[in-house]
PDB file of all heavy atoms in Angstrom:
ATOM      1  N   LEU A   1      -0.045  -0.729   4.164  1.00  0.00           N
ATOM      2  CA  LEU A   1       0.159  -1.255   5.506  1.00  0.00           C
ATOM      3  C   LEU A   1      -1.151  -1.138   6.287  1.00  0.00           C
ATOM      4  O   LEU A   1      -1.806  -0.102   6.251  1.00  0.00           O
ATOM      5  CB  LEU A   1       1.256  -0.457   6.199  1.00  0.00           C
ATOM      6  CG  LEU A   1       2.022  -1.119   7.335  1.00  0.00           C
ATOM      7  CD1 LEU A   1       2.763  -2.339   6.834  1.00  0.00           C
ATOM      8  CD2 LEU A   1       2.981  -0.120   7.956  1.00  0.00           C
ATOM      9  N   SER A   2      -1.534  -2.179   6.993  1.00  0.00           N
ATOM     10  CA  SER A   2      -2.726  -2.158   7.833  1.00  0.00           C
ATOM     11  C   SER A   2      -2.325  -2.554   9.245  1.00  0.00           C
ATOM     12  O   SER A   2      -1.721  -3.604   9.459  1.00  0.00           O
ATOM     13  CB  SER A   2      -3.787  -3.127   7.297  1.00  0.00           C
ATOM     14  OG  SER A   2      -4.934  -3.109   8.128  1.00  0.00           O
ATOM     15  N   CYS A   3      -2.637  -1.686  10.210  1.00  0.00           N
ATOM     16  CA  CYS A   3      -2.232  -1.911  11.597  1.00  0.00           C
ATOM     17  C   CYS A   3      -3.448  -1.776  12.518  1.00  0.00           C
ATOM     18  O   CYS A   3      -4.488  -1.252  12.124  1.00  0.00           O
ATOM     19  CB  CYS A   3      -1.167  -0.896  12.037  1.00  0.00           C
ATOM     20  SG  CYS A   3       0.314  -0.860  10.995  1.00  0.00           S
ATOM     21  N   THR A   4      -3.273  -2.215  13.749  1.00  0.00           N
ATOM     22  CA  THR A   4      -4.290  -2.036  14.780  1.00  0.00           C
ATOM     23  C   THR A   4      -3.844  -0.922  15.717  1.00  0.00           C
ATOM     24  O   THR A   4      -2.681  -0.864  16.110  1.00  0.00           O
ATOM     25  CB  THR A   4      -4.484  -3.329  15.591  1.00  0.00           C
ATOM     26  OG1 THR A   4      -4.854  -4.382  14.700  1.00  0.00           O
ATOM     27  CG2 THR A   4      -5.578  -3.160  16.637  1.00  0.00           C
ATOM     28  N   CYS A   5      -4.753  -0.011  16.051  1.00  0.00           N
ATOM     29  CA  CYS A   5      -4.433   1.083  16.979  1.00  0.00           C
ATOM     30  C   CYS A   5      -4.509   0.568  18.409  1.00  0.00           C
ATOM     31  O   CYS A   5      -5.551   0.088  18.851  1.00  0.00           O
ATOM     32  CB  CYS A   5      -5.420   2.235  16.776  1.00  0.00           C
ATOM     33  SG  CYS A   5      -5.115   3.634  17.876  1.00  0.00           S
ATOM     34  N   HIS A   6      -3.386   0.675  19.134  1.00  0.00           N
ATOM     35  CA  HIS A   6      -3.336   0.228  20.525  1.00  0.00           C
ATOM     36  C   HIS A   6      -2.532   1.235  21.337  1.00  0.00           C
ATOM     37  O   HIS A   6      -1.343   1.439  21.104  1.00  0.00           O
ATOM     38  CB  HIS A   6      -2.696  -1.158  20.630  1.00  0.00           C
ATOM     39  CG  HIS A   6      -2.590  -1.678  22.038  1.00  0.00           C
ATOM     40  ND1 HIS A   6      -3.694  -1.955  22.806  1.00  0.00           N
ATOM     41  CD2 HIS A   6      -1.511  -1.944  22.804  1.00  0.00           C
ATOM     42  CE1 HIS A   6      -3.306  -2.384  23.994  1.00  0.00           C
ATOM     43  NE2 HIS A   6      -1.979  -2.380  24.022  1.00  0.00           N
ATOM     44  N   ASN A   7      -3.206   1.886  22.290  1.00  0.00           N
ATOM     45  CA  ASN A   7      -2.558   2.893  23.146  1.00  0.00           C
ATOM     46  C   ASN A   7      -1.854   3.970  22.327  1.00  0.00           C
ATOM     47  O   ASN A   7      -0.753   4.413  22.662  1.00  0.00           O
ATOM     48  CB  ASN A   7      -1.569   2.241  24.110  1.00  0.00           C
ATOM     49  CG  ASN A   7      -2.258   1.409  25.169  1.00  0.00           C
ATOM     50  OD1 ASN A   7      -3.420   1.657  25.512  1.00  0.00           O
ATOM     51  ND2 ASN A   7      -1.562   0.411  25.696  1.00  0.00           N
ATOM     52  N   GLY A   8      -2.494   4.379  21.236  1.00  0.00           N
ATOM     53  CA  GLY A   8      -1.931   5.453  20.427  1.00  0.00           C
ATOM     54  C   GLY A   8      -0.794   5.035  19.528  1.00  0.00           C
ATOM     55  O   GLY A   8      -0.139   5.876  18.927  1.00  0.00           O
ATOM     56  N   GLU A   9      -0.544   3.736  19.425  1.00  0.00           N
ATOM     57  CA  GLU A   9       0.548   3.233  18.600  1.00  0.00           C
ATOM     58  C   GLU A   9       0.008   2.212  17.603  1.00  0.00           C
ATOM     59  O   GLU A   9      -0.916   1.454  17.917  1.00  0.00           O
ATOM     60  CB  GLU A   9       1.622   2.554  19.474  1.00  0.00           C
ATOM     61  CG  GLU A   9       2.292   3.464  20.477  1.00  0.00           C
ATOM     62  CD  GLU A   9       3.467   4.206  19.885  1.00  0.00           C
ATOM     63  OE1 GLU A   9       3.678   4.079  18.665  1.00  0.00           O
ATOM     64  OE2 GLU A   9       4.159   4.893  20.638  1.00  0.00           O
ATOM     65  N   PRO A  10       0.601   2.135  16.390  1.00  0.00           N
ATOM     66  CA  PRO A  10       0.227   1.082  15.455  1.00  0.00           C
ATOM     67  C   PRO A  10       0.895  -0.232  15.836  1.00  0.00           C
ATOM     68  O   PRO A  10       2.101  -0.284  16.058  1.00  0.00           O
ATOM     69  CB  PRO A  10       0.738   1.602  14.107  1.00  0.00           C
ATOM     70  CG  PRO A  10       1.822   2.561  14.455  1.00  0.00           C
ATOM     71  CD  PRO A  10       1.552   3.096  15.820  1.00  0.00           C
ATOM     72  N   GLU A  11       0.112  -1.286  15.943  1.00  0.00           N
ATOM     73  CA  GLU A  11       0.646  -2.600  16.294  1.00  0.00           C
ATOM     74  C   GLU A  11       0.050  -3.656  15.371  1.00  0.00           C
ATOM     75  O   GLU A  11      -0.949  -3.434  14.700  1.00  0.00           O
ATOM     76  CB  GLU A  11       0.328  -2.941  17.753  1.00  0.00           C
ATOM     77  CG  GLU A  11       1.059  -2.059  18.754  1.00  0.00           C
ATOM     78  CD  GLU A  11       0.921  -2.548  20.178  1.00  0.00           C
ATOM     79  OE1 GLU A  11       0.174  -3.526  20.393  1.00  0.00           O
ATOM     80  OE2 GLU A  11       1.553  -1.959  21.072  1.00  0.00           O
ATOM     81  N   MET A  12       0.674  -4.833  15.360  1.00  0.00           N
ATOM     82  CA  MET A  12       0.219  -5.986  14.572  1.00  0.00           C
ATOM     83  C   MET A  12      -0.034  -5.570  13.118  1.00  0.00           C
ATOM     84  O   MET A  12      -1.133  -5.737  12.592  1.00  0.00           O
ATOM     85  CB  MET A  12      -1.033  -6.601  15.193  1.00  0.00           C
ATOM     86  CG  MET A  12      -0.789  -7.180  16.584  1.00  0.00           C
ATOM     87  SD  MET A  12      -2.226  -7.995  17.293  1.00  0.00           S
ATOM     88  CE  MET A  12      -3.297  -6.607  17.563  1.00  0.00           C
ATOM     89  N   CYS A  13       1.002  -5.033  12.486  1.00  0.00           N
ATOM     90  CA  CYS A  13       0.858  -4.509  11.129  1.00  0.00           C
ATOM     91  C   CYS A  13       1.026  -5.618  10.090  1.00  0.00           C
ATOM     92  O   CYS A  13       1.862  -6.502  10.232  1.00  0.00           O
ATOM     93  CB  CYS A  13       1.897  -3.416  10.875  1.00  0.00           C
ATOM     94  SG  CYS A  13       1.693  -1.990  11.963  1.00  0.00           S
ATOM     95  N   VAL A  14       0.219  -5.549   9.060  1.00  0.00           N
ATOM     96  CA  VAL A  14       0.283  -6.480   7.944  1.00  0.00           C
ATOM     97  C   VAL A  14       0.389  -5.664   6.666  1.00  0.00           C
ATOM     98  O   VAL A  14      -0.319  -4.674   6.492  1.00  0.00           O
ATOM     99  CB  VAL A  14      -0.971  -7.383   7.891  1.00  0.00           C
ATOM    100  CG1 VAL A  14      -0.916  -8.300   6.676  1.00  0.00           C
ATOM    101  CG2 VAL A  14      -1.093  -8.192   9.170  1.00  0.00           C
ATOM    102  N   ALA A  15       1.288  -6.082   5.767  1.00  0.00           N
ATOM    103  CA  ALA A  15       1.489  -5.342   4.522  1.00  0.00           C
ATOM    104  C   ALA A  15       0.934  -6.142   3.353  1.00  0.00           C
ATOM    105  O   ALA A  15       1.128  -7.351   3.269  1.00  0.00           O
ATOM    106  CB  ALA A  15       2.965  -5.056   4.298  1.00  0.00           C
ATOM    107  N   ALA A  16       0.252  -5.452   2.456  1.00  0.00           N
ATOM    108  CA  ALA A  16      -0.155  -6.050   1.185  1.00  0.00           C
ATOM    109  C   ALA A  16       0.904  -5.718   0.142  1.00  0.00           C
ATOM    110  O   ALA A  16       1.507  -4.645   0.171  1.00  0.00           O
ATOM    111  CB  ALA A  16      -1.508  -5.487   0.754  1.00  0.00           C
ATOM    112  N   LEU A  17       1.142  -6.666  -0.763  1.00  0.00           N
ATOM    113  CA  LEU A  17       2.122  -6.455  -1.816  1.00  0.00           C
ATOM    114  C   LEU A  17       1.398  -6.359  -3.158  1.00  0.00           C
ATOM    115  O   LEU A  17       0.494  -7.141  -3.435  1.00  0.00           O
ATOM    116  CB  LEU A  17       3.128  -7.601  -1.843  1.00  0.00           C
ATOM    117  CG  LEU A  17       3.931  -7.800  -0.551  1.00  0.00           C
ATOM    118  CD1 LEU A  17       4.862  -8.988  -0.683  1.00  0.00           C
ATOM    119  CD2 LEU A  17       4.708  -6.545  -0.204  1.00  0.00           C
ATOM    120  N   CYS A  18       1.796  -5.394  -3.979  1.00  0.00           N
ATOM    121  CA  CYS A  18       1.085  -5.118  -5.224  1.00  0.00           C
ATOM    122  C   CYS A  18       1.921  -5.530  -6.438  1.00  0.00           C
ATOM    123  O   CYS A  18       3.120  -5.273  -6.492  1.00  0.00           O
ATOM    124  CB  CYS A  18       0.779  -3.626  -5.344  1.00  0.00           C
ATOM    125  SG  CYS A  18      -0.104  -2.956  -3.933  1.00  0.00           S
ATOM    126  N   GLU A  19       1.268  -6.147  -7.414  1.00  0.00           N
ATOM    127  CA  GLU A  19       1.904  -6.352  -8.702  1.00  0.00           C
ATOM    128  C   GLU A  19       1.921  -5.035  -9.465  1.00  0.00           C
ATOM    129  O   GLU A  19       1.052  -4.173  -9.276  1.00  0.00           O
ATOM    130  CB  GLU A  19       1.130  -7.387  -9.513  1.00  0.00           C
ATOM    131  CG  GLU A  19       1.549  -8.816  -9.240  1.00  0.00           C
ATOM    132  CD  GLU A  19       1.043  -9.749 -10.324  1.00  0.00           C
ATOM    133  OE1 GLU A  19       1.717  -9.867 -11.360  1.00  0.00           O
ATOM    134  OE2 GLU A  19      -0.029 -10.338 -10.124  1.00  0.00           O
ATOM    135  N   ARG A  20       2.892  -4.891 -10.352  1.00  0.00           N
ATOM    136  CA  ARG A  20       2.911  -3.703 -11.203  1.00  0.00           C
ATOM    137  C   ARG A  20       1.705  -3.760 -12.131  1.00  0.00           C
ATOM    138  O   ARG A  20       1.174  -4.842 -12.427  1.00  0.00           O
ATOM    139  CB  ARG A  20       4.202  -3.649 -12.018  1.00  0.00           C
ATOM    140  CG  ARG A  20       4.427  -4.851 -12.896  1.00  0.00           C
ATOM    141  CD  ARG A  20       5.699  -4.721 -13.697  1.00  0.00           C
ATOM    142  NE  ARG A  20       5.546  -3.752 -14.777  1.00  0.00           N
ATOM    143  CZ  ARG A  20       6.541  -3.352 -15.549  1.00  0.00           C
ATOM    144  NH1 ARG A  20       7.770  -3.787 -15.326  1.00  0.00           N
ATOM    145  NH2 ARG A  20       6.333  -2.492 -16.516  1.00  0.00           N
ATOM    146  N   PRO A  21       1.243  -2.623 -12.620  1.00  0.00           N
ATOM    147  CA  PRO A  21       0.097  -2.626 -13.534  1.00  0.00           C
ATOM    148  C   PRO A  21       0.449  -3.319 -14.847  1.00  0.00           C
ATOM    149  O   PRO A  21       1.546  -3.154 -15.378  1.00  0.00           O
ATOM    150  CB  PRO A  21      -0.199  -1.140 -13.732  1.00  0.00           C
ATOM    151  CG  PRO A  21       1.090  -0.456 -13.419  1.00  0.00           C
ATOM    152  CD  PRO A  21       1.750  -1.266 -12.351  1.00  0.00           C
ATOM    153  N   GLN A  22      -0.479  -4.089 -15.342  1.00  0.00           N
ATOM    154  CA  GLN A  22      -0.242  -4.843 -16.569  1.00  0.00           C
ATOM    155  C   GLN A  22      -0.297  -3.922 -17.791  1.00  0.00           C
ATOM    156  O   GLN A  22      -1.099  -2.988 -17.850  1.00  0.00           O
ATOM    157  CB  GLN A  22      -1.297  -5.951 -16.709  1.00  0.00           C
ATOM    158  CG  GLN A  22      -1.274  -6.968 -15.575  1.00  0.00           C
ATOM    159  CD  GLN A  22       0.066  -7.692 -15.484  1.00  0.00           C
ATOM    160  OE1 GLN A  22       0.547  -8.230 -16.481  1.00  0.00           O
ATOM    161  NE2 GLN A  22       0.653  -7.701 -14.296  1.00  0.00           N
ATOM    162  N   GLY A  23       0.573  -4.190 -18.770  1.00  0.00           N
ATOM    163  CA  GLY A  23       0.552  -3.421 -20.008  1.00  0.00           C
ATOM    164  C   GLY A  23       1.020  -2.003 -19.858  1.00  0.00           C
ATOM    165  O   GLY A  23       0.659  -1.129 -20.650  1.00  0.00           O
ATOM    166  N   CYS A  24       1.839  -1.726 -18.858  1.00  0.00           N
ATOM    167  CA  CYS A  24       2.325  -0.358 -18.619  1.00  0.00           C
ATOM    168  C   CYS A  24       3.797  -0.440 -18.234  1.00  0.00           C
ATOM    169  O   CYS A  24       4.169  -1.143 -17.291  1.00  0.00           O
ATOM    170  CB  CYS A  24       1.507   0.302 -17.517  1.00  0.00           C
ATOM    171  SG  CYS A  24       1.891   2.042 -17.265  1.00  0.00           S
ATOM    172  N   GLN A  25       4.643   0.281 -18.958  1.00  0.00           N
ATOM    173  CA  GLN A  25       6.079   0.236 -18.699  1.00  0.00           C
ATOM    174  C   GLN A  25       6.510   1.253 -17.647  1.00  0.00           C
ATOM    175  O   GLN A  25       7.334   0.983 -16.794  1.00  0.00           O
ATOM    176  CB  GLN A  25       6.844   0.470 -20.015  1.00  0.00           C
ATOM    177  CG  GLN A  25       6.605  -0.611 -21.054  1.00  0.00           C
ATOM    178  CD  GLN A  25       7.009  -1.991 -20.551  1.00  0.00           C
ATOM    179  OE1 GLN A  25       8.074  -2.156 -19.949  1.00  0.00           O
ATOM    180  NE2 GLN A  25       6.152  -2.976 -20.793  1.00  0.00           N
ATOM    181  N   GLN A  26       5.970   2.468 -17.744  1.00  0.00           N
ATOM    182  CA  GLN A  26       6.311   3.537 -16.790  1.00  0.00           C
ATOM    183  C   GLN A  26       5.043   3.932 -16.037  1.00  0.00           C
ATOM    184  O   GLN A  26       4.001   4.180 -16.651  1.00  0.00           O
ATOM    185  CB  GLN A  26       6.895   4.745 -17.519  1.00  0.00           C
ATOM    186  CG  GLN A  26       8.232   4.459 -18.184  1.00  0.00           C
ATOM    187  CD  GLN A  26       8.766   5.704 -18.887  1.00  0.00           C
ATOM    188  OE1 GLN A  26       8.034   6.388 -19.600  1.00  0.00           O
ATOM    189  NE2 GLN A  26      10.035   6.006 -18.666  1.00  0.00           N
ATOM    190  N   TYR A  27       5.165   4.031 -14.732  1.00  0.00           N
ATOM    191  CA  TYR A  27       3.975   4.327 -13.932  1.00  0.00           C
ATOM    192  C   TYR A  27       4.389   4.979 -12.618  1.00  0.00           C
ATOM    193  O   TYR A  27       5.567   4.977 -12.229  1.00  0.00           O
ATOM    194  CB  TYR A  27       3.176   3.048 -13.666  1.00  0.00           C
ATOM    195  CG  TYR A  27       3.984   1.968 -12.995  1.00  0.00           C
ATOM    196  CD1 TYR A  27       4.080   1.910 -11.615  1.00  0.00           C
ATOM    197  CD2 TYR A  27       4.671   1.025 -13.752  1.00  0.00           C
ATOM    198  CE1 TYR A  27       4.833   0.936 -10.998  1.00  0.00           C
ATOM    199  CE2 TYR A  27       5.430   0.042 -13.146  1.00  0.00           C
ATOM    200  CZ  TYR A  27       5.511   0.003 -11.758  1.00  0.00           C
ATOM    201  OH  TYR A  27       6.270  -0.958 -11.146  1.00  0.00           O
ATOM    202  N   ARG A  28       3.422   5.520 -11.960  1.00  0.00           N
ATOM    203  CA  ARG A  28       3.647   6.151 -10.654  1.00  0.00           C
ATOM    204  C   ARG A  28       2.650   5.567  -9.659  1.00  0.00           C
ATOM    205  O   ARG A  28       1.456   5.452  -9.949  1.00  0.00           O
ATOM    206  CB  ARG A  28       3.457   7.666 -10.758  1.00  0.00           C
ATOM    207  CG  ARG A  28       3.674   8.407  -9.428  1.00  0.00           C
ATOM    208  CD  ARG A  28       3.567   9.915  -9.576  1.00  0.00           C
ATOM    209  NE  ARG A  28       2.240  10.308 -10.057  1.00  0.00           N
ATOM    210  CZ  ARG A  28       2.004  10.891 -11.216  1.00  0.00           C
ATOM    211  NH1 ARG A  28       3.018  11.128 -12.053  1.00  0.00           N
ATOM    212  NH2 ARG A  28       0.783  11.224 -11.589  1.00  0.00           N
ATOM    213  N   LYS A  29       3.129   5.219  -8.453  1.00  0.00           N
ATOM    214  CA  LYS A  29       2.246   4.709  -7.409  1.00  0.00           C
ATOM    215  C   LYS A  29       1.564   5.867  -6.694  1.00  0.00           C
ATOM    216  O   LYS A  29       2.177   6.901  -6.449  1.00  0.00           O
ATOM    217  CB  LYS A  29       3.040   3.881  -6.395  1.00  0.00           C
ATOM    218  CG  LYS A  29       3.549   2.571  -6.946  1.00  0.00           C
ATOM    219  CD  LYS A  29       3.987   1.638  -5.827  1.00  0.00           C
ATOM    220  CE  LYS A  29       5.118   2.240  -5.009  1.00  0.00           C
ATOM    221  NZ  LYS A  29       5.577   1.293  -3.960  1.00  0.00           N
ATOM    222  N   ASP A  30       0.325   5.676  -6.340  1.00  0.00           N
ATOM    223  CA  ASP A  30      -0.380   6.668  -5.527  1.00  0.00           C
ATOM    224  C   ASP A  30       0.168   6.598  -4.104  1.00  0.00           C
ATOM    225  O   ASP A  30       0.222   5.522  -3.506  1.00  0.00           O
ATOM    226  CB  ASP A  30      -1.882   6.376  -5.529  1.00  0.00           C
ATOM    227  CG  ASP A  30      -2.695   7.519  -4.922  1.00  0.00           C
ATOM    228  OD1 ASP A  30      -2.407   7.878  -3.770  1.00  0.00           O
ATOM    229  OD2 ASP A  30      -3.598   8.021  -5.596  1.00  0.00           O
ATOM    230  N   PRO A  31       0.608   7.729  -3.524  1.00  0.00           N
ATOM    231  CA  PRO A  31       1.231   7.675  -2.194  1.00  0.00           C
ATOM    232  C   PRO A  31       0.252   7.394  -1.060  1.00  0.00           C
ATOM    233  O   PRO A  31       0.679   7.084   0.039  1.00  0.00           O
ATOM    234  CB  PRO A  31       1.848   9.077  -2.045  1.00  0.00           C
ATOM    235  CG  PRO A  31       1.035   9.947  -2.938  1.00  0.00           C
ATOM    236  CD  PRO A  31       0.622   9.092  -4.103  1.00  0.00           C
ATOM    237  N   LYS A  32      -1.061   7.494  -1.318  1.00  0.00           N
ATOM    238  CA  LYS A  32      -2.022   7.327  -0.231  1.00  0.00           C
ATOM    239  C   LYS A  32      -3.067   6.257  -0.505  1.00  0.00           C
ATOM    240  O   LYS A  32      -3.934   6.024   0.329  1.00  0.00           O
ATOM    241  CB  LYS A  32      -2.715   8.657   0.069  1.00  0.00           C
ATOM    242  CG  LYS A  32      -1.764   9.702   0.645  1.00  0.00           C
ATOM    243  CD  LYS A  32      -2.488  10.916   1.173  1.00  0.00           C
ATOM    244  CE  LYS A  32      -1.519  11.903   1.802  1.00  0.00           C
ATOM    245  NZ  LYS A  32      -2.218  13.084   2.360  1.00  0.00           N
ATOM    246  N   GLU A  33      -3.009   5.615  -1.680  1.00  0.00           N
ATOM    247  CA  GLU A  33      -3.969   4.563  -2.010  1.00  0.00           C
ATOM    248  C   GLU A  33      -3.208   3.281  -2.351  1.00  0.00           C
ATOM    249  O   GLU A  33      -2.307   3.285  -3.190  1.00  0.00           O
ATOM    250  CB  GLU A  33      -4.852   4.968  -3.189  1.00  0.00           C
ATOM    251  CG  GLU A  33      -5.752   6.176  -2.912  1.00  0.00           C
ATOM    252  CD  GLU A  33      -6.921   5.827  -2.002  1.00  0.00           C
ATOM    253  OE1 GLU A  33      -7.182   4.627  -1.795  1.00  0.00           O
ATOM    254  OE2 GLU A  33      -7.564   6.765  -1.495  1.00  0.00           O
ATOM    255  N   CYS A  34      -3.574   2.199  -1.695  1.00  0.00           N
ATOM    256  CA  CYS A  34      -2.883   0.931  -1.905  1.00  0.00           C
ATOM    257  C   CYS A  34      -3.181   0.372  -3.294  1.00  0.00           C
ATOM    258  O   CYS A  34      -4.341   0.333  -3.718  1.00  0.00           O
ATOM    259  CB  CYS A  34      -3.315  -0.063  -0.832  1.00  0.00           C
ATOM    260  SG  CYS A  34      -2.486  -1.654  -0.940  1.00  0.00           S
ATOM    261  N   CYS A  35      -2.133  -0.056  -3.971  1.00  0.00           N
ATOM    262  CA  CYS A  35      -2.232  -0.712  -5.288  1.00  0.00           C
ATOM    263  C   CYS A  35      -2.952   0.138  -6.321  1.00  0.00           C
ATOM    264  O   CYS A  35      -3.648  -0.371  -7.198  1.00  0.00           O
ATOM    265  CB  CYS A  35      -2.926  -2.068  -5.155  1.00  0.00           C
ATOM    266  SG  CYS A  35      -1.985  -3.249  -4.182  1.00  0.00           S
ATOM    267  N   LYS A  36      -2.796   1.452  -6.216  1.00  0.00           N
ATOM    268  CA  LYS A  36      -3.355   2.357  -7.232  1.00  0.00           C
ATOM    269  C   LYS A  36      -2.212   2.988  -7.990  1.00  0.00           C
ATOM    270  O   LYS A  36      -1.293   3.525  -7.382  1.00  0.00           O
ATOM    271  CB  LYS A  36      -4.241   3.418  -6.566  1.00  0.00           C
ATOM    272  CG  LYS A  36      -4.930   4.336  -7.568  1.00  0.00           C
ATOM    273  CD  LYS A  36      -5.838   5.332  -6.845  1.00  0.00           C
ATOM    274  CE  LYS A  36      -6.517   6.256  -7.829  1.00  0.00           C
ATOM    275  NZ  LYS A  36      -7.396   7.241  -7.133  1.00  0.00           N
ATOM    276  N   PHE A  37      -2.250   2.913  -9.321  1.00  0.00           N
ATOM    277  CA  PHE A  37      -1.149   3.381 -10.152  1.00  0.00           C
ATOM    278  C   PHE A  37      -1.657   4.358 -11.207  1.00  0.00           C
ATOM    279  O   PHE A  37      -2.812   4.289 -11.616  1.00  0.00           O
ATOM    280  CB  PHE A  37      -0.470   2.210 -10.872  1.00  0.00           C
ATOM    281  CG  PHE A  37       0.056   1.147  -9.964  1.00  0.00           C
ATOM    282  CD1 PHE A  37      -0.745   0.067  -9.596  1.00  0.00           C
ATOM    283  CD2 PHE A  37       1.333   1.230  -9.451  1.00  0.00           C
ATOM    284  CE1 PHE A  37      -0.257  -0.921  -8.769  1.00  0.00           C
ATOM    285  CE2 PHE A  37       1.818   0.239  -8.613  1.00  0.00           C
ATOM    286  CZ  PHE A  37       1.022  -0.841  -8.259  1.00  0.00           C
ATOM    287  N   THR A  38      -0.767   5.229 -11.636  1.00  0.00           N
ATOM    288  CA  THR A  38      -1.022   6.081 -12.797  1.00  0.00           C
ATOM    289  C   THR A  38      -0.012   5.698 -13.868  1.00  0.00           C
ATOM    290  O   THR A  38       1.191   5.753 -13.627  1.00  0.00           O
ATOM    291  CB  THR A  38      -0.871   7.567 -12.449  1.00  0.00           C
ATOM    292  OG1 THR A  38      -1.799   7.884 -11.398  1.00  0.00           O
ATOM    293  CG2 THR A  38      -1.149   8.451 -13.653  1.00  0.00           C
TER     294      THR A  38
END
C-alpha cells in the first residue's frame, strides 16, 4: 500500500497487486516488503 501523509493521516492510498512467485508451490510473503516471497 502506498499513501500520502496529510495532517498525520494516510490519504489517497494506492495498492499494488503481486503475482505469486513462479515455480514455487508453497511460499511465505514478507510482511514488510512488497512482492517479496520466501
